Structures are given as C-alpha cells and as structure tokens.
Amino acid sequence: AGFAIMFAFLTAQVTASSIFHEKKEGTFRRLLSAPLGNWELLVGKMIPNFFVAVLQMVVIFAASIVLLPLVGQEAPSLGNSPLGLVLVTLMVALCSTSLGVLLAALCRTESQVGGVSSVGLWIAGLVGGAFIPAFVLGDFLNTIGKIVPHYWAIQAYNDLMIRGLGGASI
C-alpha cells in the first residue's frame, strides 16, 4: 500500500507540470478565454492525472498479489470491503491531483514545481509511513507524519486490508 500511495502522489508533480507547460505554450490562456468556468477548467486538468493515479495503484496492488507469491512471500489480503478499497483509492487519487493544482498555484516556475514536489512528496512519503511503518519512526516523526495525507491513506488501507475492518471504519 505504501508504494501504491507514493506513486499516486507523484502524479501531483505531473499535474502541476502540465499546467506550467500549457502556460508556456500559450494554450492555458486560450483555455481561460473559452466559455468554461474555473471549476470546469480545473476538473479538465485533473481528470487525466486522476485516472493515471488510480491505474497506477490498481497495477501495483495487482502486481503484488501476483508477483509476491512467486518470490516466496505471502500475497497481500484485500480485506473484506472491496467498496472501501475503491473509495480509499479514489480519494488518494483525488488528493494527489488536487495537490498538483495547489503546487501549480504556489510555484512560480516549472523548475520550482520539480524541486518542491520532488523533495516535498518524498519527505511526506517518508514521514507518512510509505517506506517505513510510522510506529518505527519514533514519536516525533510519527506526530509530524500525521499532517501528510500519506499517513492517513496508509492507515485507511491498513484498516481495510490488515485489520479486516469495513468501509465505515475508514
């Protein structure tokens, strides 16, 4: 789950970069002059990356179910709530693409998007428990980790897949 979450959040950089690329090419100005509301424009920018994030997560979960037993590891359980898994996956993808729009709004250049998102997303993944379980990080980093969405997504997946809780628990 940690790697699926990490890769999904890396699409935030792609979302922000695509907005800057359109600004550089001049197509963003054309989109702003189109008879679209701001929310329609943002949703249009987010939809492709949203689906990429969902697809990445599905592929990573499917690969782990198929490949881990081939190397002598136990296949992960998907738990008892398929609807809960779908809901968490969709929310992680939405959070990731929304973060990409926020990055595009806060950063002034495409280089800043690359630097800020790379460093920020990897650090958030680390303190959020995507690489090392949060309880291993100690009290201080575990407390800091609770401010990043990675932490809460991992908690939701753990509740569903490991603890066997239902969708209402998340």
N, C-alpha and C. Protein backbone atom coordinates (compact mmCIF):
# COMPACT_ATOMS: atom_id res chain seq x y z
N ALA A 1 0.82 -1.20 0.00
CA ALA A 1 0.00 0.00 0.00
C ALA A 1 0.87 1.26 0.00
N GLY A 2 1.98 1.22 0.71
CA GLY A 2 2.84 2.39 0.80
C GLY A 2 3.37 2.83 -0.55
N PHE A 3 3.83 1.87 -1.36
CA PHE A 3 4.36 2.22 -2.67
C PHE A 3 3.25 2.67 -3.62
N ALA A 4 2.08 2.07 -3.50
CA ALA A 4 0.96 2.50 -4.34
C ALA A 4 0.60 3.95 -4.02
N ILE A 5 0.57 4.28 -2.74
CA ILE A 5 0.27 5.65 -2.32
C ILE A 5 1.36 6.60 -2.79
N MET A 6 2.61 6.19 -2.64
CA MET A 6 3.72 7.05 -3.04
C MET A 6 3.66 7.37 -4.54
N PHE A 7 3.47 6.34 -5.35
CA PHE A 7 3.41 6.57 -6.80
C PHE A 7 2.19 7.39 -7.19
N ALA A 8 1.08 7.20 -6.50
CA ALA A 8 -0.10 8.01 -6.80
C ALA A 8 0.19 9.48 -6.51
N PHE A 9 0.87 9.76 -5.41
CA PHE A 9 1.15 11.16 -5.08
C PHE A 9 2.20 11.77 -5.99
N LEU A 10 3.03 10.96 -6.60
CA LEU A 10 4.00 11.53 -7.55
C LEU A 10 3.31 12.08 -8.79
N THR A 11 2.06 11.69 -9.04
CA THR A 11 1.34 12.27 -10.17
C THR A 11 0.98 13.73 -9.92
N ALA A 12 1.07 14.19 -8.67
CA ALA A 12 0.83 15.60 -8.38
C ALA A 12 1.82 16.47 -9.15
N GLN A 13 3.04 16.00 -9.25
CA GLN A 13 4.06 16.75 -10.00
C GLN A 13 3.69 16.81 -11.47
N VAL A 14 3.15 15.74 -12.00
CA VAL A 14 2.74 15.72 -13.41
C VAL A 14 1.60 16.70 -13.65
N THR A 15 0.65 16.73 -12.73
CA THR A 15 -0.47 17.67 -12.86
C THR A 15 0.03 19.10 -12.88
N ALA A 16 0.89 19.46 -11.92
CA ALA A 16 1.41 20.82 -11.84
C ALA A 16 2.26 21.15 -13.07
N SER A 17 3.09 20.21 -13.49
CA SER A 17 3.94 20.45 -14.66
C SER A 17 3.13 20.65 -15.93
N SER A 18 2.02 19.91 -16.05
CA SER A 18 1.20 20.06 -17.26
C SER A 18 0.56 21.45 -17.31
N ILE A 19 0.21 21.99 -16.17
CA ILE A 19 -0.35 23.34 -16.14
C ILE A 19 0.70 24.35 -16.56
N PHE A 20 1.93 24.20 -16.05
CA PHE A 20 3.01 25.11 -16.43
C PHE A 20 3.37 24.96 -17.90
N HIS A 21 3.33 23.73 -18.41
CA HIS A 21 3.63 23.51 -19.83
C HIS A 21 2.60 24.23 -20.71
N GLU A 22 1.34 24.15 -20.32
CA GLU A 22 0.31 24.85 -21.10
C GLU A 22 0.46 26.36 -21.00
N LYS A 23 0.90 26.86 -19.85
CA LYS A 23 1.15 28.30 -19.74
C LYS A 23 2.29 28.72 -20.66
N LYS A 24 3.33 27.89 -20.72
CA LYS A 24 4.49 28.21 -21.56
C LYS A 24 4.13 28.17 -23.05
N GLU A 25 3.29 27.23 -23.43
CA GLU A 25 2.90 27.09 -24.83
C GLU A 25 1.81 28.08 -25.24
N GLY A 26 1.15 28.68 -24.27
CA GLY A 26 0.09 29.64 -24.57
C GLY A 26 -1.30 29.04 -24.64
N THR A 27 -1.40 27.74 -24.51
CA THR A 27 -2.72 27.12 -24.59
C THR A 27 -3.55 27.37 -23.34
N PHE A 28 -2.90 27.63 -22.22
CA PHE A 28 -3.64 27.90 -20.99
C PHE A 28 -4.44 29.20 -21.13
N ARG A 29 -3.84 30.20 -21.77
CA ARG A 29 -4.54 31.48 -21.99
C ARG A 29 -5.77 31.26 -22.87
N ARG A 30 -5.64 30.38 -23.86
CA ARG A 30 -6.79 30.08 -24.72
C ARG A 30 -7.89 29.38 -23.93
N LEU A 31 -7.48 28.47 -23.05
CA LEU A 31 -8.47 27.77 -22.22
C LEU A 31 -9.20 28.75 -21.32
N LEU A 32 -8.48 29.74 -20.78
CA LEU A 32 -9.11 30.73 -19.91
C LEU A 32 -10.13 31.58 -20.66
N SER A 33 -9.91 31.77 -21.97
CA SER A 33 -10.85 32.57 -22.74
C SER A 33 -12.03 31.76 -23.25
N ALA A 34 -11.98 30.46 -23.09
CA ALA A 34 -13.08 29.60 -23.52
C ALA A 34 -14.28 29.80 -22.59
N PRO A 35 -15.47 29.48 -23.06
CA PRO A 35 -16.66 29.64 -22.21
C PRO A 35 -16.76 28.53 -21.16
N LEU A 36 -15.75 28.45 -20.33
CA LEU A 36 -15.71 27.46 -19.25
C LEU A 36 -15.56 28.17 -17.92
N GLY A 37 -16.15 27.62 -16.91
CA GLY A 37 -15.93 28.14 -15.58
C GLY A 37 -14.58 27.66 -15.06
N ASN A 38 -14.09 28.31 -14.02
CA ASN A 38 -12.81 27.91 -13.45
C ASN A 38 -12.83 26.47 -12.95
N TRP A 39 -13.92 26.05 -12.34
CA TRP A 39 -14.00 24.69 -11.83
C TRP A 39 -13.98 23.67 -12.97
N GLU A 40 -14.59 24.02 -14.10
CA GLU A 40 -14.58 23.11 -15.26
C GLU A 40 -13.17 22.97 -15.82
N LEU A 41 -12.46 24.07 -15.85
CA LEU A 41 -11.08 24.05 -16.33
C LEU A 41 -10.21 23.19 -15.41
N LEU A 42 -10.36 23.38 -14.10
CA LEU A 42 -9.57 22.60 -13.15
C LEU A 42 -9.91 21.11 -13.21
N VAL A 43 -11.18 20.80 -13.30
CA VAL A 43 -11.58 19.39 -13.39
C VAL A 43 -11.02 18.77 -14.67
N GLY A 44 -11.04 19.51 -15.75
CA GLY A 44 -10.49 19.03 -17.01
C GLY A 44 -8.99 18.76 -16.93
N LYS A 45 -8.28 19.58 -16.17
CA LYS A 45 -6.85 19.37 -15.98
C LYS A 45 -6.58 18.19 -15.06
N MET A 46 -7.49 17.94 -14.13
CA MET A 46 -7.27 16.90 -13.12
C MET A 46 -7.67 15.50 -13.59
N ILE A 47 -8.66 15.39 -14.43
CA ILE A 47 -9.21 14.08 -14.80
C ILE A 47 -8.16 13.11 -15.37
N PRO A 48 -7.35 13.50 -16.35
CA PRO A 48 -6.38 12.52 -16.87
C PRO A 48 -5.40 12.02 -15.81
N ASN A 49 -4.89 12.92 -14.99
CA ASN A 49 -3.94 12.50 -13.96
C ASN A 49 -4.62 11.73 -12.84
N PHE A 50 -5.88 12.02 -12.60
CA PHE A 50 -6.66 11.25 -11.63
C PHE A 50 -6.73 9.79 -12.06
N PHE A 51 -7.05 9.56 -13.33
CA PHE A 51 -7.15 8.19 -13.83
C PHE A 51 -5.79 7.50 -13.86
N VAL A 52 -4.74 8.25 -14.15
CA VAL A 52 -3.39 7.67 -14.13
C VAL A 52 -3.05 7.22 -12.70
N ALA A 53 -3.37 8.04 -11.72
CA ALA A 53 -3.09 7.69 -10.32
C ALA A 53 -3.87 6.43 -9.91
N VAL A 54 -5.13 6.37 -10.28
CA VAL A 54 -5.95 5.19 -9.96
C VAL A 54 -5.37 3.95 -10.65
N LEU A 55 -5.03 4.08 -11.92
CA LEU A 55 -4.47 2.95 -12.67
C LEU A 55 -3.15 2.48 -12.06
N GLN A 56 -2.30 3.42 -11.66
CA GLN A 56 -1.03 3.04 -11.03
C GLN A 56 -1.29 2.23 -9.77
N MET A 57 -2.22 2.68 -8.97
CA MET A 57 -2.50 1.97 -7.71
C MET A 57 -3.06 0.58 -7.98
N VAL A 58 -3.96 0.47 -8.92
CA VAL A 58 -4.54 -0.83 -9.26
C VAL A 58 -3.45 -1.78 -9.77
N VAL A 59 -2.57 -1.29 -10.63
CA VAL A 59 -1.50 -2.13 -11.17
C VAL A 59 -0.55 -2.57 -10.06
N ILE A 60 -0.20 -1.68 -9.14
CA ILE A 60 0.72 -2.04 -8.06
C ILE A 60 0.08 -3.09 -7.15
N PHE A 61 -1.19 -2.91 -6.79
CA PHE A 61 -1.86 -3.91 -5.96
C PHE A 61 -1.97 -5.25 -6.70
N ALA A 62 -2.34 -5.21 -7.97
CA ALA A 62 -2.47 -6.46 -8.74
C ALA A 62 -1.11 -7.15 -8.88
N ALA A 63 -0.07 -6.38 -9.16
CA ALA A 63 1.27 -6.97 -9.30
C ALA A 63 1.72 -7.59 -7.99
N SER A 64 1.41 -6.95 -6.88
CA SER A 64 1.83 -7.53 -5.59
C SER A 64 1.08 -8.82 -5.30
N ILE A 65 -0.16 -8.91 -5.70
CA ILE A 65 -0.94 -10.14 -5.48
C ILE A 65 -0.39 -11.27 -6.34
N VAL A 66 0.03 -10.96 -7.57
CA VAL A 66 0.51 -11.98 -8.49
C VAL A 66 1.99 -12.31 -8.25
N LEU A 67 2.82 -11.29 -8.07
CA LEU A 67 4.27 -11.50 -8.04
C LEU A 67 4.83 -11.91 -6.68
N LEU A 68 4.28 -11.42 -5.60
CA LEU A 68 4.84 -11.76 -4.29
C LEU A 68 4.84 -13.26 -4.01
N PRO A 69 3.77 -14.00 -4.33
CA PRO A 69 3.83 -15.45 -4.12
C PRO A 69 4.90 -16.14 -4.97
N LEU A 70 5.23 -15.56 -6.11
CA LEU A 70 6.25 -16.15 -6.98
C LEU A 70 7.65 -16.07 -6.37
N VAL A 71 7.85 -15.13 -5.45
CA VAL A 71 9.16 -14.99 -4.80
C VAL A 71 9.11 -15.48 -3.36
N GLY A 72 8.09 -16.27 -3.03
CA GLY A 72 8.02 -16.88 -1.72
C GLY A 72 7.40 -16.03 -0.62
N GLN A 73 6.80 -14.92 -0.97
CA GLN A 73 6.14 -14.06 0.01
C GLN A 73 4.64 -14.32 -0.01
N GLU A 74 4.00 -13.93 1.05
CA GLU A 74 2.55 -14.08 1.13
C GLU A 74 1.87 -12.96 0.35
N ALA A 75 0.88 -13.31 -0.45
CA ALA A 75 0.13 -12.29 -1.19
C ALA A 75 -0.66 -11.44 -0.21
N PRO A 76 -0.72 -10.14 -0.43
CA PRO A 76 -1.49 -9.29 0.48
C PRO A 76 -2.98 -9.57 0.37
N SER A 77 -3.65 -9.46 1.49
CA SER A 77 -5.10 -9.62 1.52
C SER A 77 -5.73 -8.28 1.14
N LEU A 78 -6.79 -8.33 0.39
CA LEU A 78 -7.50 -7.11 0.05
C LEU A 78 -8.60 -6.80 1.05
N GLY A 79 -8.70 -7.62 2.08
CA GLY A 79 -9.67 -7.35 3.14
C GLY A 79 -11.07 -7.80 2.78
N ASN A 80 -12.02 -7.30 3.54
CA ASN A 80 -13.42 -7.71 3.40
C ASN A 80 -14.30 -6.65 2.76
N SER A 81 -13.73 -5.51 2.40
CA SER A 81 -14.54 -4.41 1.89
C SER A 81 -14.00 -3.89 0.56
N PRO A 82 -14.39 -4.51 -0.55
CA PRO A 82 -13.94 -4.01 -1.85
C PRO A 82 -14.37 -2.56 -2.09
N LEU A 83 -15.57 -2.22 -1.64
CA LEU A 83 -16.06 -0.86 -1.80
C LEU A 83 -15.18 0.12 -1.03
N GLY A 84 -14.73 -0.26 0.16
CA GLY A 84 -13.83 0.57 0.94
C GLY A 84 -12.51 0.78 0.23
N LEU A 85 -11.97 -0.28 -0.38
CA LEU A 85 -10.71 -0.14 -1.14
C LEU A 85 -10.88 0.80 -2.32
N VAL A 86 -11.98 0.67 -3.02
CA VAL A 86 -12.24 1.56 -4.15
C VAL A 86 -12.35 3.00 -3.68
N LEU A 87 -13.07 3.21 -2.60
CA LEU A 87 -13.25 4.55 -2.07
C LEU A 87 -11.93 5.19 -1.66
N VAL A 88 -11.10 4.45 -0.93
CA VAL A 88 -9.80 4.99 -0.50
C VAL A 88 -8.92 5.28 -1.72
N THR A 89 -8.91 4.37 -2.67
CA THR A 89 -8.10 4.57 -3.88
C THR A 89 -8.54 5.83 -4.63
N LEU A 90 -9.85 6.03 -4.77
CA LEU A 90 -10.35 7.21 -5.46
C LEU A 90 -10.00 8.49 -4.69
N MET A 91 -10.08 8.43 -3.37
CA MET A 91 -9.76 9.62 -2.55
C MET A 91 -8.27 9.95 -2.59
N VAL A 92 -7.42 8.93 -2.62
CA VAL A 92 -5.97 9.18 -2.74
C VAL A 92 -5.68 9.83 -4.08
N ALA A 93 -6.28 9.33 -5.14
CA ALA A 93 -6.06 9.90 -6.47
C ALA A 93 -6.57 11.34 -6.54
N LEU A 94 -7.73 11.59 -5.93
CA LEU A 94 -8.27 12.96 -5.91
C LEU A 94 -7.37 13.89 -5.12
N CYS A 95 -6.90 13.43 -3.99
CA CYS A 95 -6.00 14.23 -3.15
C CYS A 95 -4.71 14.54 -3.91
N SER A 96 -4.18 13.56 -4.61
CA SER A 96 -2.94 13.74 -5.36
C SER A 96 -3.10 14.77 -6.47
N THR A 97 -4.15 14.64 -7.26
CA THR A 97 -4.32 15.58 -8.36
C THR A 97 -4.65 16.98 -7.84
N SER A 98 -5.37 17.06 -6.73
CA SER A 98 -5.65 18.36 -6.12
C SER A 98 -4.37 19.00 -5.62
N LEU A 99 -3.49 18.20 -5.07
CA LEU A 99 -2.19 18.70 -4.63
C LEU A 99 -1.39 19.24 -5.81
N GLY A 100 -1.53 18.61 -6.96
CA GLY A 100 -0.85 19.10 -8.17
C GLY A 100 -1.34 20.48 -8.58
N VAL A 101 -2.63 20.71 -8.48
CA VAL A 101 -3.18 22.03 -8.78
C VAL A 101 -2.68 23.06 -7.77
N LEU A 102 -2.62 22.66 -6.50
CA LEU A 102 -2.08 23.55 -5.47
C LEU A 102 -0.62 23.89 -5.74
N LEU A 103 0.17 22.91 -6.13
CA LEU A 103 1.57 23.16 -6.46
C LEU A 103 1.70 24.14 -7.62
N ALA A 104 0.86 23.97 -8.62
CA ALA A 104 0.90 24.87 -9.78
C ALA A 104 0.54 26.29 -9.36
N ALA A 105 -0.35 26.42 -8.38
CA ALA A 105 -0.74 27.76 -7.92
C ALA A 105 0.34 28.40 -7.06
N LEU A 106 1.06 27.61 -6.28
CA LEU A 106 2.05 28.16 -5.36
C LEU A 106 3.42 28.40 -6.00
N CYS A 107 3.80 27.57 -6.94
CA CYS A 107 5.13 27.68 -7.55
C CYS A 107 5.10 28.71 -8.68
N ARG A 108 6.21 29.39 -8.83
CA ARG A 108 6.30 30.44 -9.86
C ARG A 108 6.89 29.94 -11.17
N THR A 109 7.69 28.87 -11.13
CA THR A 109 8.31 28.35 -12.35
C THR A 109 8.15 26.83 -12.38
N GLU A 110 8.36 26.28 -13.57
CA GLU A 110 8.28 24.83 -13.72
C GLU A 110 9.41 24.14 -12.95
N SER A 111 10.55 24.80 -12.85
CA SER A 111 11.66 24.25 -12.07
C SER A 111 11.30 24.16 -10.59
N GLN A 112 10.59 25.16 -10.10
CA GLN A 112 10.15 25.11 -8.71
C GLN A 112 9.19 23.94 -8.49
N VAL A 113 8.33 23.70 -9.44
CA VAL A 113 7.41 22.57 -9.33
C VAL A 113 8.20 21.28 -9.17
N GLY A 114 9.20 21.11 -10.02
CA GLY A 114 10.02 19.89 -9.95
C GLY A 114 10.73 19.75 -8.63
N GLY A 115 11.35 20.81 -8.18
CA GLY A 115 12.11 20.75 -6.93
C GLY A 115 11.24 20.61 -5.71
N VAL A 116 10.24 21.47 -5.60
CA VAL A 116 9.37 21.45 -4.43
C VAL A 116 8.60 20.14 -4.34
N SER A 117 8.04 19.70 -5.46
CA SER A 117 7.24 18.48 -5.42
C SER A 117 8.10 17.25 -5.18
N SER A 118 9.26 17.18 -5.79
CA SER A 118 10.11 16.00 -5.58
C SER A 118 10.52 15.87 -4.12
N VAL A 119 11.08 16.93 -3.59
CA VAL A 119 11.53 16.89 -2.20
C VAL A 119 10.34 16.74 -1.26
N GLY A 120 9.31 17.54 -1.46
CA GLY A 120 8.16 17.50 -0.56
C GLY A 120 7.44 16.17 -0.56
N LEU A 121 7.23 15.59 -1.74
CA LEU A 121 6.48 14.34 -1.81
C LEU A 121 7.28 13.16 -1.25
N TRP A 122 8.59 13.15 -1.47
CA TRP A 122 9.40 12.06 -0.91
C TRP A 122 9.49 12.17 0.61
N ILE A 123 9.63 13.38 1.11
CA ILE A 123 9.67 13.57 2.57
C ILE A 123 8.32 13.21 3.18
N ALA A 124 7.24 13.64 2.53
CA ALA A 124 5.90 13.30 3.03
C ALA A 124 5.70 11.79 3.03
N GLY A 125 6.17 11.11 1.99
CA GLY A 125 6.07 9.66 1.96
C GLY A 125 6.87 9.00 3.07
N LEU A 126 8.03 9.56 3.36
CA LEU A 126 8.87 9.01 4.42
C LEU A 126 8.23 9.18 5.79
N VAL A 127 7.86 10.42 6.13
CA VAL A 127 7.28 10.64 7.47
C VAL A 127 5.85 10.12 7.56
N GLY A 128 5.19 9.94 6.43
CA GLY A 128 3.82 9.41 6.43
C GLY A 128 3.75 7.90 6.54
N GLY A 129 4.90 7.23 6.45
CA GLY A 129 4.94 5.79 6.62
C GLY A 129 4.84 4.98 5.34
N ALA A 130 5.10 5.59 4.20
CA ALA A 130 5.02 4.86 2.93
C ALA A 130 6.19 3.90 2.75
N PHE A 131 7.34 4.19 3.37
CA PHE A 131 8.52 3.34 3.23
C PHE A 131 8.78 2.51 4.48
N ILE A 132 8.61 3.13 5.62
CA ILE A 132 8.86 2.51 6.92
C ILE A 132 7.58 2.71 7.73
N PRO A 133 7.12 1.68 8.41
CA PRO A 133 5.90 1.88 9.22
C PRO A 133 6.05 3.06 10.18
N ALA A 134 5.00 3.83 10.32
CA ALA A 134 5.05 5.07 11.10
C ALA A 134 5.47 4.83 12.55
N PHE A 135 5.07 3.71 13.13
CA PHE A 135 5.40 3.48 14.54
C PHE A 135 6.90 3.26 14.74
N VAL A 136 7.63 2.88 13.67
CA VAL A 136 9.07 2.67 13.77
C VAL A 136 9.81 4.00 13.79
N LEU A 137 9.21 5.04 13.26
CA LEU A 137 9.88 6.34 13.12
C LEU A 137 10.07 7.07 14.45
N GLY A 138 9.40 6.65 15.47
CA GLY A 138 9.50 7.33 16.75
C GLY A 138 8.39 8.34 16.93
N ASP A 139 8.24 8.81 18.14
CA ASP A 139 7.13 9.70 18.48
C ASP A 139 7.15 11.00 17.69
N PHE A 140 8.32 11.62 17.57
CA PHE A 140 8.40 12.93 16.92
C PHE A 140 8.01 12.84 15.45
N LEU A 141 8.65 11.95 14.69
CA LEU A 141 8.34 11.83 13.26
C LEU A 141 6.95 11.26 13.03
N ASN A 142 6.50 10.39 13.93
CA ASN A 142 5.16 9.85 13.81
C ASN A 142 4.12 10.96 13.97
N THR A 143 4.38 11.89 14.88
CA THR A 143 3.47 13.02 15.07
C THR A 143 3.48 13.93 13.84
N ILE A 144 4.67 14.20 13.31
CA ILE A 144 4.78 15.03 12.10
C ILE A 144 4.08 14.35 10.93
N GLY A 145 4.22 13.03 10.85
CA GLY A 145 3.62 12.28 9.76
C GLY A 145 2.11 12.41 9.68
N LYS A 146 1.48 12.72 10.79
CA LYS A 146 0.02 12.82 10.80
C LYS A 146 -0.50 14.05 10.06
N ILE A 147 0.38 14.94 9.65
CA ILE A 147 -0.08 16.11 8.89
C ILE A 147 -0.07 15.88 7.39
N VAL A 148 0.48 14.75 6.93
CA VAL A 148 0.52 14.49 5.49
C VAL A 148 -0.55 13.47 5.12
N PRO A 149 -1.12 13.58 3.94
CA PRO A 149 -2.19 12.65 3.54
C PRO A 149 -1.72 11.21 3.38
N HIS A 150 -0.42 11.02 3.13
CA HIS A 150 0.12 9.67 3.00
C HIS A 150 -0.18 8.84 4.25
N TYR A 151 0.01 9.44 5.40
CA TYR A 151 -0.21 8.76 6.68
C TYR A 151 -1.65 8.25 6.78
N TRP A 152 -2.59 9.12 6.47
CA TRP A 152 -4.00 8.76 6.62
C TRP A 152 -4.43 7.73 5.58
N ALA A 153 -3.86 7.81 4.39
CA ALA A 153 -4.18 6.81 3.37
C ALA A 153 -3.65 5.44 3.79
N ILE A 154 -2.45 5.41 4.34
CA ILE A 154 -1.89 4.14 4.80
C ILE A 154 -2.71 3.57 5.96
N GLN A 155 -3.14 4.44 6.86
CA GLN A 155 -3.99 3.98 7.96
C GLN A 155 -5.29 3.38 7.42
N ALA A 156 -5.87 4.02 6.42
CA ALA A 156 -7.12 3.51 5.84
C ALA A 156 -6.90 2.15 5.18
N TYR A 157 -5.83 2.02 4.40
CA TYR A 157 -5.54 0.73 3.76
C TYR A 157 -5.23 -0.34 4.81
N ASN A 158 -4.49 0.01 5.85
CA ASN A 158 -4.20 -0.96 6.91
C ASN A 158 -5.49 -1.40 7.60
N ASP A 159 -6.38 -0.46 7.86
CA ASP A 159 -7.66 -0.82 8.48
C ASP A 159 -8.45 -1.79 7.60
N LEU A 160 -8.41 -1.57 6.31
CA LEU A 160 -9.18 -2.41 5.39
C LEU A 160 -8.49 -3.74 5.09
N MET A 161 -7.20 -3.70 4.81
CA MET A 161 -6.50 -4.88 4.30
C MET A 161 -5.89 -5.75 5.41
N ILE A 162 -5.42 -5.14 6.46
CA ILE A 162 -4.74 -5.90 7.51
C ILE A 162 -5.67 -6.19 8.68
N ARG A 163 -6.34 -5.14 9.12
CA ARG A 163 -7.19 -5.30 10.31
C ARG A 163 -8.57 -5.85 9.97
N GLY A 164 -8.92 -5.91 8.67
CA GLY A 164 -10.18 -6.51 8.24
C GLY A 164 -11.41 -5.68 8.56
N LEU A 165 -11.21 -4.37 8.81
CA LEU A 165 -12.35 -3.51 9.11
C LEU A 165 -13.12 -3.19 7.84
N GLY A 166 -14.31 -2.69 7.99
CA GLY A 166 -15.15 -2.37 6.85
C GLY A 166 -15.00 -0.94 6.40
N GLY A 167 -15.73 -0.60 5.37
CA GLY A 167 -15.65 0.74 4.81
C GLY A 167 -16.09 1.84 5.78
N ALA A 168 -17.00 1.53 6.68
CA ALA A 168 -17.47 2.53 7.65
C ALA A 168 -16.36 2.95 8.60
N SER A 169 -15.39 2.10 8.82
CA SER A 169 -14.31 2.41 9.77
C SER A 169 -13.34 3.45 9.22
N ILE A 170 -13.27 3.55 7.91
CA ILE A 170 -12.32 4.49 7.32
C ILE A 170 -12.93 5.88 7.22
